[in-house]
Protein backbone atom coordinates (compact mmCIF):
# COMPACT_ATOMS: atom_id res chain seq x y z
CA ASN A 1 139.94 21.12 -56.78
CA GLN A 2 141.18 24.56 -55.07
CA GLY A 3 142.13 25.90 -58.17
CA CYS A 4 138.75 24.54 -60.34
CA THR A 5 135.74 27.34 -61.35
CA GLU A 6 133.74 25.33 -58.49
CA ALA A 7 136.23 26.57 -55.72
CA ALA A 8 135.44 29.09 -53.33
CA ALA A 9 138.21 31.35 -53.70
CA SER A 10 138.75 34.53 -55.59
CA GLN A 11 139.75 34.83 -59.71
CA HIS A 12 142.81 36.17 -58.58
CA THR A 13 143.47 33.36 -56.09
CA LYS A 14 143.08 31.04 -58.68
CA LYS A 15 144.94 32.85 -61.24
CA LEU A 16 148.10 32.62 -59.14
CA LEU A 17 147.24 28.39 -58.63
CA ALA A 18 147.31 27.79 -62.01
CA GLN A 19 150.53 29.87 -62.49
CA ALA A 20 152.60 27.88 -59.64
CA GLU A 21 155.61 26.25 -60.26
CA MET A 22 156.94 22.96 -57.84
CA SER A 23 159.39 25.70 -56.31
CA ASP A 24 156.38 28.01 -55.92
CA VAL A 25 155.83 26.91 -52.28
CA SER A 26 156.74 27.84 -49.18
CA MET A 27 156.28 27.15 -45.26
CA ALA A 28 153.69 29.83 -43.14
CA PRO A 29 152.58 29.62 -39.29
CA ALA A 30 149.14 28.03 -39.19
CA ALA A 31 146.61 30.48 -37.62
CA ASP A 32 144.79 27.71 -35.31
CA MET A 33 148.35 26.52 -33.55
CA PHE A 34 150.26 29.75 -34.18
CA GLU A 35 151.78 29.52 -30.65
CA MET A 36 152.83 26.27 -30.97
CA GLY A 37 154.77 26.99 -34.12
CA VAL A 38 153.06 24.60 -36.61
CA GLN A 39 153.78 25.28 -40.43
CA LEU A 40 151.69 24.65 -43.25
CA GLN A 41 152.44 24.56 -46.95
CA VAL A 42 150.99 27.86 -48.87
CA LEU A 43 151.87 29.26 -52.00
CA LYS A 44 154.96 32.34 -52.27
CA ARG A 45 154.20 33.49 -56.03
CA GLY A 46 152.40 36.82 -56.29
CA THR A 47 151.99 36.97 -52.34
CA LEU A 48 154.04 38.27 -49.87
CA PHE A 49 152.39 36.75 -46.99
CA PRO A 50 154.62 33.91 -45.95
CA MET A 51 157.32 36.18 -45.38
CA ARG A 52 155.07 38.13 -43.43
CA ALA A 53 153.70 35.76 -41.21
CA GLN A 54 157.19 33.93 -40.43
CA LYS A 55 157.96 37.80 -39.14
CA LEU A 56 155.12 37.59 -36.97
CA TYR A 57 156.38 34.27 -35.51
CA GLU A 58 159.91 34.96 -34.81
CA LEU A 59 158.34 38.70 -32.87
CA TYR A 60 156.57 36.18 -31.06
CA ARG A 61 159.80 33.59 -30.26
CA ASN A 62 161.53 37.07 -29.22
CA TYR A 63 158.78 38.61 -27.05
CA GLU A 64 156.92 37.91 -24.36
CA SER A 65 154.63 41.17 -24.80
CA ILE A 66 153.62 43.66 -27.31
CA GLU A 67 155.11 45.86 -25.23
CA GLU A 68 158.60 44.53 -25.57
CA ILE A 69 158.53 44.85 -29.38
CA PRO A 70 160.64 47.84 -30.31
CA LEU A 71 158.98 51.20 -31.31
CA GLU A 72 160.35 50.65 -35.06
CA GLU A 73 159.56 47.26 -35.65
CA LYS A 74 156.07 48.12 -34.05
CA GLN A 75 155.45 51.06 -36.75
CA LYS A 76 156.62 48.67 -39.39
CA LEU A 77 153.63 45.90 -38.20
CA GLU A 78 150.85 48.50 -38.27
CA LYS A 79 151.97 50.28 -41.57
CA GLN A 80 153.05 47.19 -43.80
CA ILE A 81 151.18 44.10 -42.23
CA PHE A 82 147.99 45.17 -40.08
CA ARG A 83 147.55 48.21 -42.14
CA LYS A 84 145.81 49.95 -38.84
CA SER A 85 147.35 50.65 -35.13
CA LEU A 86 147.63 47.80 -32.96
CA ASP A 87 145.17 48.97 -30.40
CA GLU A 88 142.58 48.43 -33.49
CA VAL A 89 143.66 45.11 -34.12
CA TRP A 90 142.99 44.20 -30.25
CA ALA A 91 139.29 45.77 -30.50
CA GLU A 92 138.70 43.83 -33.33
CA THR A 93 140.22 40.63 -31.82
CA GLU A 94 138.76 41.03 -28.98
CA SER A 95 135.10 41.81 -30.35
CA PHE A 96 135.16 38.81 -32.09
CA PHE A 97 136.34 36.34 -29.29
CA LEU A 98 133.73 37.64 -26.90
CA SER A 99 131.17 36.32 -29.31
CA ARG A 100 132.93 33.41 -29.81
CA ASP A 101 135.20 31.65 -27.12
CA PRO A 102 135.55 34.75 -24.32
CA HIS A 103 137.63 32.41 -22.63
CA GLN A 104 140.69 33.06 -24.52
CA ILE A 105 140.57 37.09 -24.06
CA GLU A 106 140.02 36.21 -20.07
CA ARG A 107 143.46 34.28 -20.83
CA ALA A 108 145.01 37.28 -22.89
CA ARG A 109 144.08 39.76 -20.35
CA ASN A 110 146.26 38.24 -17.76
CA HIS A 111 148.84 36.68 -19.82
CA PRO A 112 150.79 39.80 -21.87
CA LYS A 113 152.15 36.53 -24.81
CA ARG A 114 149.07 35.26 -25.41
CA ARG A 115 147.40 38.40 -26.41
CA MET A 116 150.03 39.23 -28.59
CA ALA A 117 149.59 35.76 -29.92
CA LEU A 118 145.98 36.78 -30.53
CA ILE A 119 146.87 39.88 -32.30
CA PHE A 120 149.08 38.21 -34.53
CA ARG A 121 146.65 35.59 -35.38
CA TRP A 122 144.43 38.28 -36.57
CA TYR A 123 146.40 38.75 -40.00
CA LEU A 124 146.77 34.99 -40.56
CA GLY A 125 142.79 34.58 -39.43
CA LEU A 126 141.95 36.97 -42.01
CA SER A 127 144.81 36.35 -45.02
CA SER A 128 142.78 33.09 -45.87
CA ARG A 129 139.72 34.92 -45.97
CA TRP A 130 140.90 37.91 -48.07
CA SER A 131 142.14 35.44 -50.25
CA ASN A 132 138.81 33.53 -50.98
CA HIS A 133 136.62 36.86 -51.24
CA GLY A 134 139.60 38.71 -53.12
CA GLU A 135 139.37 41.22 -50.94
CA SER A 136 140.81 44.52 -53.37
CA GLY A 137 143.95 45.73 -51.77
CA ARG A 138 145.37 43.47 -49.84
CA GLU A 139 146.56 40.57 -52.96
CA THR A 140 149.77 40.73 -51.42
CA ASP A 141 148.71 39.62 -48.29
CA TYR A 142 146.22 36.76 -49.71
CA GLN A 143 146.92 32.75 -47.62
CA ILE A 144 147.10 30.69 -50.58
CA TRP A 145 147.11 26.88 -48.87
CA CYS A 146 149.66 25.25 -51.86
CA GLY A 147 151.81 22.04 -51.99
CA PRO A 148 154.16 21.05 -55.01
CA ALA A 149 151.67 19.11 -56.35
CA MET A 150 149.72 22.18 -57.81
CA GLY A 151 153.25 23.14 -59.87
CA ALA A 152 153.24 19.60 -61.34
CA PHE A 153 149.52 19.69 -62.05
CA ASN A 154 150.10 22.97 -63.78
CA ALA A 155 153.33 21.36 -65.54
CA TRP A 156 151.14 18.32 -66.89
CA VAL A 157 148.21 20.48 -68.71
CA LYS A 158 150.80 23.47 -70.06
CA GLY A 159 149.68 23.44 -73.55
CA SER A 160 146.25 21.34 -73.00
CA TYR A 161 142.65 22.57 -72.82
CA LEU A 162 143.21 22.46 -69.08
CA ASP A 163 145.84 25.15 -69.07
CA ASP A 164 142.98 27.75 -69.10
CA THR A 165 141.33 28.20 -65.48
CA GLU A 166 137.79 29.01 -67.24
CA ASN A 167 138.42 24.74 -68.56
CA ARG A 168 139.96 23.61 -65.06
CA ARG A 169 136.02 22.15 -64.20
CA VAL A 170 135.90 19.42 -61.21
CA VAL A 171 134.78 16.94 -63.26
CA ASP A 172 137.09 17.44 -66.16
CA VAL A 173 140.54 17.28 -63.93
CA ALA A 174 139.11 14.30 -61.87
CA ASP A 175 138.47 12.50 -65.71
CA ASN A 176 142.01 13.30 -66.99
CA LEU A 177 143.33 12.30 -63.64
CA MET A 178 141.71 8.67 -63.92
CA ARG A 179 142.10 8.39 -67.59
CA GLY A 180 145.69 9.03 -67.05
CA ALA A 181 146.86 6.86 -64.68
CA ALA A 182 144.82 4.02 -66.52
CA TYR A 183 146.53 4.93 -69.43
CA LEU A 184 150.08 4.61 -67.68
CA PHE A 185 149.08 1.82 -65.72
CA ARG A 186 148.67 0.02 -68.92
CA LEU A 187 151.82 0.47 -70.31
CA GLN A 188 153.39 -0.47 -67.10
CA GLN A 189 151.52 -3.62 -67.52
CA LEU A 190 152.78 -4.19 -71.05
CA GLN A 191 156.30 -3.71 -70.21
CA THR A 192 156.32 -6.24 -67.53
CA GLN A 193 155.17 -8.28 -70.34
CA GLY A 194 158.46 -7.51 -71.73
CA ILE A 195 157.03 -5.31 -74.83
CA ARG A 196 159.69 -2.31 -75.24
CA LEU A 197 157.74 1.19 -75.43
CA PRO A 198 159.14 4.56 -76.46
CA SER A 199 159.73 7.22 -73.94
CA SER A 200 157.45 9.52 -76.01
CA CYS A 201 154.31 7.17 -75.04
CA PHE A 202 154.95 7.73 -71.43
CA HIS A 203 153.30 11.25 -71.61
CA PHE A 204 149.40 11.50 -71.32
CA THR A 205 147.94 15.12 -72.83
CA PRO A 206 144.44 15.86 -70.98
CA VAL A 207 141.83 16.00 -73.50
CA PRO A 208 137.93 17.56 -73.00
CA PRO A 209 135.32 15.22 -72.60
CA ALA A 210 133.30 14.04 -76.09
């Protein structure tokens, strides 16, 4: 449904999802469980987010504070990933949590590694918002949740009317999935009764509603 017309994702994101193949998926750190190393599946086609997010986690594992990170690495973070100074990122992070969960800031002020995690989570948290809102200039940082099933779906609908993203309405997708499943199930029933069917029968092409 993320690639459907009704989804609250930007057109650019939907276009990338429609182009995805089964192998266009990677793992990246989850923003809300960053410190624990929990990862989620994201799209890697058309975005540098997976690589950049993994870089942040590597730095988090290798250093105990922002101050310990080598100057060259910090400059890369500011120029290539954050596009603003680390001080600016921390100021925005601090303002965000002070209005929502002040305890997070209290912990970070007394724990340099925790502070570093919150700074890195700034990027992880905003990247999904950039994807949904279609943030101009941040396309290479879009965090787009996606699994191999998206690529399998694209391969299935290729050449059909659902190949066009404008036709991917929730009802159309659901209707064709259910019809396709029922069709294949019926063929399997016929096979169990000893009826031999050509392999060409086992492909259901999505069709628009009558």
